Amino acid sequence: MRALQKMETIETPESSNIARDGFDDKLHVEFKAGAKWEYDAPRSEFERMKKAKSVGSFFSSEIKGKYPGRQVE
């Protein structure tokens, strides 16, 4: 994942699946299992994800399968 420390990142300790997410020109998601992905989602989706009651549920219903993504690192 492109240096998450250089972009706005959100730690998600309450999520059982997602460790953190961030945004620069793409949405970056780091899973607790260690996989890191980036998605061609707009910043507005990152903003919605930050406000979601469940980050994992939001990711599953609003990002995964709707925006192209690729595993990084």
PDB file of N, CA and C in Angstrom:
ATOM      1  N   MET A   1       0.855  -1.163   0.000  1.00  0.00           N
ATOM      2  CA  MET A   1       0.000   0.000   0.000  1.00  0.00           C
ATOM      3  C   MET A   1       0.897   1.221   0.000  1.00  0.00           C
ATOM      4  N   ARG A   2       0.600   2.149  -0.857  1.00  0.00           N
ATOM      5  CA  ARG A   2       1.384   3.377  -0.834  1.00  0.00           C
ATOM      6  C   ARG A   2       1.308   3.965   0.545  1.00  0.00           C
ATOM      7  N   ALA A   3       2.416   4.362   1.055  1.00  0.00           N
ATOM      8  CA  ALA A   3       2.588   4.847   2.412  1.00  0.00           C
ATOM      9  C   ALA A   3       1.327   5.445   3.026  1.00  0.00           C
ATOM     10  N   LEU A   4       0.589   4.621   3.751  1.00  0.00           N
ATOM     11  CA  LEU A   4      -0.628   5.093   4.412  1.00  0.00           C
ATOM     12  C   LEU A   4      -0.326   6.228   5.367  1.00  0.00           C
ATOM     13  N   GLN A   5       0.878   6.252   5.915  1.00  0.00           N
ATOM     14  CA  GLN A   5       1.201   7.316   6.856  1.00  0.00           C
ATOM     15  C   GLN A   5       1.254   8.690   6.191  1.00  0.00           C
ATOM     16  N   LYS A   6       1.308   8.767   4.857  1.00  0.00           N
ATOM     17  CA  LYS A   6       1.348  10.050   4.153  1.00  0.00           C
ATOM     18  C   LYS A   6      -0.024  10.518   3.698  1.00  0.00           C
ATOM     19  N   MET A   7      -1.059   9.783   4.024  1.00  0.00           N
ATOM     20  CA  MET A   7      -2.409  10.171   3.649  1.00  0.00           C
ATOM     21  C   MET A   7      -3.296  10.095   4.881  1.00  0.00           C
ATOM     22  N   GLU A   8      -4.465  10.639   4.773  1.00  0.00           N
ATOM     23  CA  GLU A   8      -5.414  10.520   5.879  1.00  0.00           C
ATOM     24  C   GLU A   8      -5.792   9.058   6.033  1.00  0.00           C
ATOM     25  N   THR A   9      -5.585   8.517   7.215  1.00  0.00           N
ATOM     26  CA  THR A   9      -5.963   7.126   7.464  1.00  0.00           C
ATOM     27  C   THR A   9      -6.861   7.053   8.687  1.00  0.00           C
ATOM     28  N   ILE A  10      -7.670   6.043   8.692  1.00  0.00           N
ATOM     29  CA  ILE A  10      -8.596   5.817   9.793  1.00  0.00           C
ATOM     30  C   ILE A  10      -8.329   4.423  10.341  1.00  0.00           C
ATOM     31  N   GLU A  11      -7.955   4.337  11.603  1.00  0.00           N
ATOM     32  CA  GLU A  11      -7.820   3.045  12.271  1.00  0.00           C
ATOM     33  C   GLU A  11      -9.230   2.564  12.598  1.00  0.00           C
ATOM     34  N   THR A  12      -9.473   1.275  12.450  1.00  0.00           N
ATOM     35  CA  THR A  12     -10.811   0.748  12.698  1.00  0.00           C
ATOM     36  C   THR A  12     -10.745  -0.449  13.651  1.00  0.00           C
ATOM     37  N   PRO A  13     -10.363  -0.218  14.901  1.00  0.00           N
ATOM     38  CA  PRO A  13     -10.245  -1.331  15.848  1.00  0.00           C
ATOM     39  C   PRO A  13     -11.569  -2.038  16.126  1.00  0.00           C
ATOM     40  N   GLU A  14     -12.693  -1.347  15.915  1.00  0.00           N
ATOM     41  CA  GLU A  14     -13.998  -1.957  16.170  1.00  0.00           C
ATOM     42  C   GLU A  14     -14.407  -2.925  15.054  1.00  0.00           C
ATOM     43  N   SER A  15     -13.713  -2.863  13.911  1.00  0.00           N
ATOM     44  CA  SER A  15     -14.032  -3.756  12.800  1.00  0.00           C
ATOM     45  C   SER A  15     -13.352  -5.105  13.000  1.00  0.00           C
ATOM     46  N   SER A  16     -14.066  -6.161  12.704  1.00  0.00           N
ATOM     47  CA  SER A  16     -13.476  -7.493  12.840  1.00  0.00           C
ATOM     48  C   SER A  16     -12.642  -7.864  11.618  1.00  0.00           C
ATOM     49  N   ASN A  17     -12.744  -7.096  10.536  1.00  0.00           N
ATOM     50  CA  ASN A  17     -12.080  -7.456   9.294  1.00  0.00           C
ATOM     51  C   ASN A  17     -11.105  -6.403   8.778  1.00  0.00           C
ATOM     52  N   ILE A  18     -11.407  -5.128   8.969  1.00  0.00           N
ATOM     53  CA  ILE A  18     -10.604  -4.049   8.394  1.00  0.00           C
ATOM     54  C   ILE A  18      -9.780  -3.378   9.489  1.00  0.00           C
ATOM     55  N   ALA A  19      -8.466  -3.320   9.277  1.00  0.00           N
ATOM     56  CA  ALA A  19      -7.559  -2.702  10.251  1.00  0.00           C
ATOM     57  C   ALA A  19      -7.532  -1.187  10.100  1.00  0.00           C
ATOM     58  N   ARG A  20      -7.485  -0.712   8.844  1.00  0.00           N
ATOM     59  CA  ARG A  20      -7.441   0.739   8.581  1.00  0.00           C
ATOM     60  C   ARG A  20      -7.795   0.982   7.133  1.00  0.00           C
ATOM     61  N   ASP A  21      -8.155   2.202   6.864  1.00  0.00           N
ATOM     62  CA  ASP A  21      -8.394   2.610   5.485  1.00  0.00           C
ATOM     63  C   ASP A  21      -7.875   4.023   5.309  1.00  0.00           C
ATOM     64  N   GLY A  22      -7.644   4.396   4.072  1.00  0.00           N
ATOM     65  CA  GLY A  22      -7.109   5.718   3.789  1.00  0.00           C
ATOM     66  C   GLY A  22      -7.430   6.122   2.369  1.00  0.00           C
ATOM     67  N   PHE A  23      -7.143   7.373   2.055  1.00  0.00           N
ATOM     68  CA  PHE A  23      -7.420   7.859   0.714  1.00  0.00           C
ATOM     69  C   PHE A  23      -6.344   8.840   0.284  1.00  0.00           C
ATOM     70  N   ASP A  24      -5.832   8.634  -0.933  1.00  0.00           N
ATOM     71  CA  ASP A  24      -5.054   9.662  -1.619  1.00  0.00           C
ATOM     72  C   ASP A  24      -5.769   9.868  -2.954  1.00  0.00           C
ATOM     73  N   ASP A  25      -5.327   9.242  -4.013  1.00  0.00           N
ATOM     74  CA  ASP A  25      -6.107   9.285  -5.250  1.00  0.00           C
ATOM     75  C   ASP A  25      -6.972   8.034  -5.411  1.00  0.00           C
ATOM     76  N   LYS A  26      -6.821   7.089  -4.506  1.00  0.00           N
ATOM     77  CA  LYS A  26      -7.593   5.848  -4.472  1.00  0.00           C
ATOM     78  C   LYS A  26      -7.958   5.539  -3.021  1.00  0.00           C
ATOM     79  N   LEU A  27      -8.932   4.682  -2.848  1.00  0.00           N
ATOM     80  CA  LEU A  27      -9.294   4.208  -1.520  1.00  0.00           C
ATOM     81  C   LEU A  27      -8.387   3.034  -1.184  1.00  0.00           C
ATOM     82  N   HIS A  28      -7.720   3.101  -0.051  1.00  0.00           N
ATOM     83  CA  HIS A  28      -6.814   2.047   0.394  1.00  0.00           C
ATOM     84  C   HIS A  28      -7.427   1.355   1.601  1.00  0.00           C
ATOM     85  N   VAL A  29      -7.387   0.024   1.574  1.00  0.00           N
ATOM     86  CA  VAL A  29      -7.948  -0.758   2.664  1.00  0.00           C
ATOM     87  C   VAL A  29      -6.920  -1.797   3.088  1.00  0.00           C
ATOM     88  N   GLU A  30      -6.619  -1.825   4.385  1.00  0.00           N
ATOM     89  CA  GLU A  30      -5.743  -2.852   4.937  1.00  0.00           C
ATOM     90  C   GLU A  30      -6.589  -3.739   5.835  1.00  0.00           C
ATOM     91  N   PHE A  31      -6.564  -5.017   5.529  1.00  0.00           N
ATOM     92  CA  PHE A  31      -7.356  -5.982   6.283  1.00  0.00           C
ATOM     93  C   PHE A  31      -6.559  -6.527   7.455  1.00  0.00           C
ATOM     94  N   LYS A  32      -7.236  -6.926   8.495  1.00  0.00           N
ATOM     95  CA  LYS A  32      -6.563  -7.448   9.688  1.00  0.00           C
ATOM     96  C   LYS A  32      -5.758  -8.698   9.387  1.00  0.00           C
ATOM     97  N   ALA A  33      -6.140  -9.426   8.347  1.00  0.00           N
ATOM     98  CA  ALA A  33      -5.388 -10.621   7.945  1.00  0.00           C
ATOM     99  C   ALA A  33      -4.078 -10.251   7.251  1.00  0.00           C
ATOM    100  N   GLY A  34      -3.895  -8.953   6.936  1.00  0.00           N
ATOM    101  CA  GLY A  34      -2.643  -8.487   6.362  1.00  0.00           C
ATOM    102  C   GLY A  34      -2.709  -8.052   4.907  1.00  0.00           C
ATOM    103  N   ALA A  35      -3.731  -8.459   4.169  1.00  0.00           N
ATOM    104  CA  ALA A  35      -3.845  -8.060   2.764  1.00  0.00           C
ATOM    105  C   ALA A  35      -4.113  -6.562   2.661  1.00  0.00           C
ATOM    106  N   LYS A  36      -3.518  -5.942   1.638  1.00  0.00           N
ATOM    107  CA  LYS A  36      -3.696  -4.513   1.386  1.00  0.00           C
ATOM    108  C   LYS A  36      -4.208  -4.342  -0.039  1.00  0.00           C
ATOM    109  N   TRP A  37      -5.267  -3.578  -0.161  1.00  0.00           N
ATOM    110  CA  TRP A  37      -5.907  -3.369  -1.453  1.00  0.00           C
ATOM    111  C   TRP A  37      -6.101  -1.884  -1.698  1.00  0.00           C
ATOM    112  N   GLU A  38      -6.185  -1.515  -2.985  1.00  0.00           N
ATOM    113  CA  GLU A  38      -6.595  -0.169  -3.357  1.00  0.00           C
ATOM    114  C   GLU A  38      -7.738  -0.283  -4.353  1.00  0.00           C
ATOM    115  N   TYR A  39      -8.667   0.649  -4.245  1.00  0.00           N
ATOM    116  CA  TYR A  39      -9.882   0.639  -5.055  1.00  0.00           C
ATOM    117  C   TYR A  39     -10.050   1.973  -5.764  1.00  0.00           C
ATOM    118  N   ASP A  40     -10.558   1.928  -6.977  1.00  0.00           N
ATOM    119  CA  ASP A  40     -10.814   3.138  -7.756  1.00  0.00           C
ATOM    120  C   ASP A  40     -12.143   3.760  -7.338  1.00  0.00           C
ATOM    121  N   ALA A  41     -12.278   4.023  -6.072  1.00  0.00           N
ATOM    122  CA  ALA A  41     -13.488   4.639  -5.531  1.00  0.00           C
ATOM    123  C   ALA A  41     -13.224   6.130  -5.305  1.00  0.00           C
ATOM    124  N   PRO A  42     -14.229   6.959  -5.440  1.00  0.00           N
ATOM    125  CA  PRO A  42     -14.043   8.392  -5.210  1.00  0.00           C
ATOM    126  C   PRO A  42     -13.899   8.720  -3.719  1.00  0.00           C
ATOM    127  N   ARG A  43     -13.353   9.883  -3.451  1.00  0.00           N
ATOM    128  CA  ARG A  43     -13.170  10.334  -2.067  1.00  0.00           C
ATOM    129  C   ARG A  43     -14.493  10.342  -1.302  1.00  0.00           C
ATOM    130  N   SER A  44     -15.576  10.619  -1.997  1.00  0.00           N
ATOM    131  CA  SER A  44     -16.885  10.654  -1.323  1.00  0.00           C
ATOM    132  C   SER A  44     -17.212   9.309  -0.673  1.00  0.00           C
ATOM    133  N   GLU A  45     -16.769   8.208  -1.261  1.00  0.00           N
ATOM    134  CA  GLU A  45     -17.002   6.895  -0.652  1.00  0.00           C
ATOM    135  C   GLU A  45     -16.155   6.726   0.610  1.00  0.00           C
ATOM    136  N   PHE A  46     -14.932   7.240   0.579  1.00  0.00           N
ATOM    137  CA  PHE A  46     -14.088   7.217   1.780  1.00  0.00           C
ATOM    138  C   PHE A  46     -14.759   8.016   2.897  1.00  0.00           C
ATOM    139  N   GLU A  47     -15.304   9.172   2.558  1.00  0.00           N
ATOM    140  CA  GLU A  47     -15.984  10.004   3.555  1.00  0.00           C
ATOM    141  C   GLU A  47     -17.204   9.277   4.123  1.00  0.00           C
ATOM    142  N   ARG A  48     -17.956   8.601   3.273  1.00  0.00           N
ATOM    143  CA  ARG A  48     -19.109   7.824   3.736  1.00  0.00           C
ATOM    144  C   ARG A  48     -18.653   6.657   4.610  1.00  0.00           C
ATOM    145  N   MET A  49     -17.546   6.019   4.224  1.00  0.00           N
ATOM    146  CA  MET A  49     -17.027   4.875   4.980  1.00  0.00           C
ATOM    147  C   MET A  49     -16.612   5.310   6.388  1.00  0.00           C
ATOM    148  N   LYS A  50     -16.004   6.502   6.497  1.00  0.00           N
ATOM    149  CA  LYS A  50     -15.588   7.020   7.807  1.00  0.00           C
ATOM    150  C   LYS A  50     -16.779   7.185   8.745  1.00  0.00           C
ATOM    151  N   LYS A  51     -17.931   7.513   8.189  1.00  0.00           N
ATOM    152  CA  LYS A  51     -19.126   7.791   8.993  1.00  0.00           C
ATOM    153  C   LYS A  51     -20.004   6.569   9.218  1.00  0.00           C
ATOM    154  N   ALA A  52     -19.673   5.479   8.555  1.00  0.00           N
ATOM    155  CA  ALA A  52     -20.516   4.284   8.625  1.00  0.00           C
ATOM    156  C   ALA A  52     -20.518   3.680  10.025  1.00  0.00           C
ATOM    157  N   LYS A  53     -21.658   3.169  10.417  1.00  0.00           N
ATOM    158  CA  LYS A  53     -21.789   2.494  11.704  1.00  0.00           C
ATOM    159  C   LYS A  53     -20.913   1.245  11.735  1.00  0.00           C
ATOM    160  N   SER A  54     -20.839   0.537  10.616  1.00  0.00           N
ATOM    161  CA  SER A  54     -19.994  -0.645  10.467  1.00  0.00           C
ATOM    162  C   SER A  54     -19.146  -0.473   9.208  1.00  0.00           C
ATOM    163  N   VAL A  55     -17.845  -0.286   9.392  1.00  0.00           N
ATOM    164  CA  VAL A  55     -16.938  -0.095   8.260  1.00  0.00           C
ATOM    165  C   VAL A  55     -16.930  -1.338   7.370  1.00  0.00           C
ATOM    166  N   GLY A  56     -16.890  -2.516   7.977  1.00  0.00           N
ATOM    167  CA  GLY A  56     -16.860  -3.750   7.211  1.00  0.00           C
ATOM    168  C   GLY A  56     -18.113  -3.954   6.385  1.00  0.00           C
ATOM    169  N   SER A  57     -19.262  -3.684   6.966  1.00  0.00           N
ATOM    170  CA  SER A  57     -20.527  -3.818   6.234  1.00  0.00           C
ATOM    171  C   SER A  57     -20.602  -2.812   5.094  1.00  0.00           C
ATOM    172  N   PHE A  58     -20.165  -1.589   5.374  1.00  0.00           N
ATOM    173  CA  PHE A  58     -20.157  -0.570   4.322  1.00  0.00           C
ATOM    174  C   PHE A  58     -19.240  -1.009   3.184  1.00  0.00           C
ATOM    175  N   PHE A  59     -18.048  -1.466   3.524  1.00  0.00           N
ATOM    176  CA  PHE A  59     -17.101  -1.920   2.509  1.00  0.00           C
ATOM    177  C   PHE A  59     -17.732  -3.030   1.660  1.00  0.00           C
ATOM    178  N   SER A  60     -18.318  -4.015   2.316  1.00  0.00           N
ATOM    179  CA  SER A  60     -18.896  -5.157   1.600  1.00  0.00           C
ATOM    180  C   SER A  60     -20.046  -4.762   0.677  1.00  0.00           C
ATOM    181  N   SER A  61     -20.873  -3.834   1.120  1.00  0.00           N
ATOM    182  CA  SER A  61     -22.051  -3.480   0.327  1.00  0.00           C
ATOM    183  C   SER A  61     -21.826  -2.332  -0.653  1.00  0.00           C
ATOM    184  N   GLU A  62     -20.887  -1.441  -0.368  1.00  0.00           N
ATOM    185  CA  GLU A  62     -20.745  -0.229  -1.178  1.00  0.00           C
ATOM    186  C   GLU A  62     -19.446  -0.138  -1.986  1.00  0.00           C
ATOM    187  N   ILE A  63     -18.435  -0.917  -1.642  1.00  0.00           N
ATOM    188  CA  ILE A  63     -17.136  -0.813  -2.327  1.00  0.00           C
ATOM    189  C   ILE A  63     -16.796  -2.104  -3.081  1.00  0.00           C
ATOM    190  N   LYS A  64     -16.728  -3.187  -2.347  1.00  0.00           N
ATOM    191  CA  LYS A  64     -16.319  -4.476  -2.922  1.00  0.00           C
ATOM    192  C   LYS A  64     -17.271  -4.881  -4.051  1.00  0.00           C
ATOM    193  N   GLY A  65     -16.695  -5.147  -5.218  1.00  0.00           N
ATOM    194  CA  GLY A  65     -17.494  -5.551  -6.365  1.00  0.00           C
ATOM    195  C   GLY A  65     -18.096  -4.405  -7.145  1.00  0.00           C
ATOM    196  N   LYS A  66     -18.070  -3.200  -6.594  1.00  0.00           N
ATOM    197  CA  LYS A  66     -18.627  -2.031  -7.299  1.00  0.00           C
ATOM    198  C   LYS A  66     -17.535  -1.171  -7.924  1.00  0.00           C
ATOM    199  N   TYR A  67     -16.338  -1.209  -7.336  1.00  0.00           N
ATOM    200  CA  TYR A  67     -15.206  -0.430  -7.840  1.00  0.00           C
ATOM    201  C   TYR A  67     -14.048  -1.371  -8.122  1.00  0.00           C
ATOM    202  N   PRO A  68     -13.332  -1.136  -9.227  1.00  0.00           N
ATOM    203  CA  PRO A  68     -12.161  -1.972  -9.508  1.00  0.00           C
ATOM    204  C   PRO A  68     -11.151  -1.872  -8.369  1.00  0.00           C
ATOM    205  N   GLY A  69     -10.580  -2.999  -8.022  1.00  0.00           N
ATOM    206  CA  GLY A  69      -9.579  -3.020  -6.960  1.00  0.00           C
ATOM    207  C   GLY A  69      -8.447  -3.967  -7.305  1.00  0.00           C
ATOM    208  N   ARG A  70      -7.325  -3.748  -6.652  1.00  0.00           N
ATOM    209  CA  ARG A  70      -6.194  -4.651  -6.841  1.00  0.00           C
ATOM    210  C   ARG A  70      -5.425  -4.752  -5.550  1.00  0.00           C
ATOM    211  N   GLN A  71      -4.873  -5.939  -5.321  1.00  0.00           N
ATOM    212  CA  GLN A  71      -4.046  -6.145  -4.132  1.00  0.00           C
ATOM    213  C   GLN A  71      -2.701  -5.488  -4.374  1.00  0.00           C
ATOM    214  N   VAL A  72      -2.178  -4.841  -3.348  1.00  0.00           N
ATOM    215  CA  VAL A  72      -0.881  -4.156  -3.453  1.00  0.00           C
ATOM    216  C   VAL A  72       0.078  -4.723  -2.404  1.00  0.00           C
ATOM    217  N   GLU A  73       1.349  -4.458  -2.585  1.00  0.00           N
ATOM    218  CA  GLU A  73       2.467  -4.906  -1.743  1.00  0.00           C
ATOM    219  C   GLU A  73       2.557  -6.356  -1.709  1.00  0.00           C
TER     220      GLU A  73
END
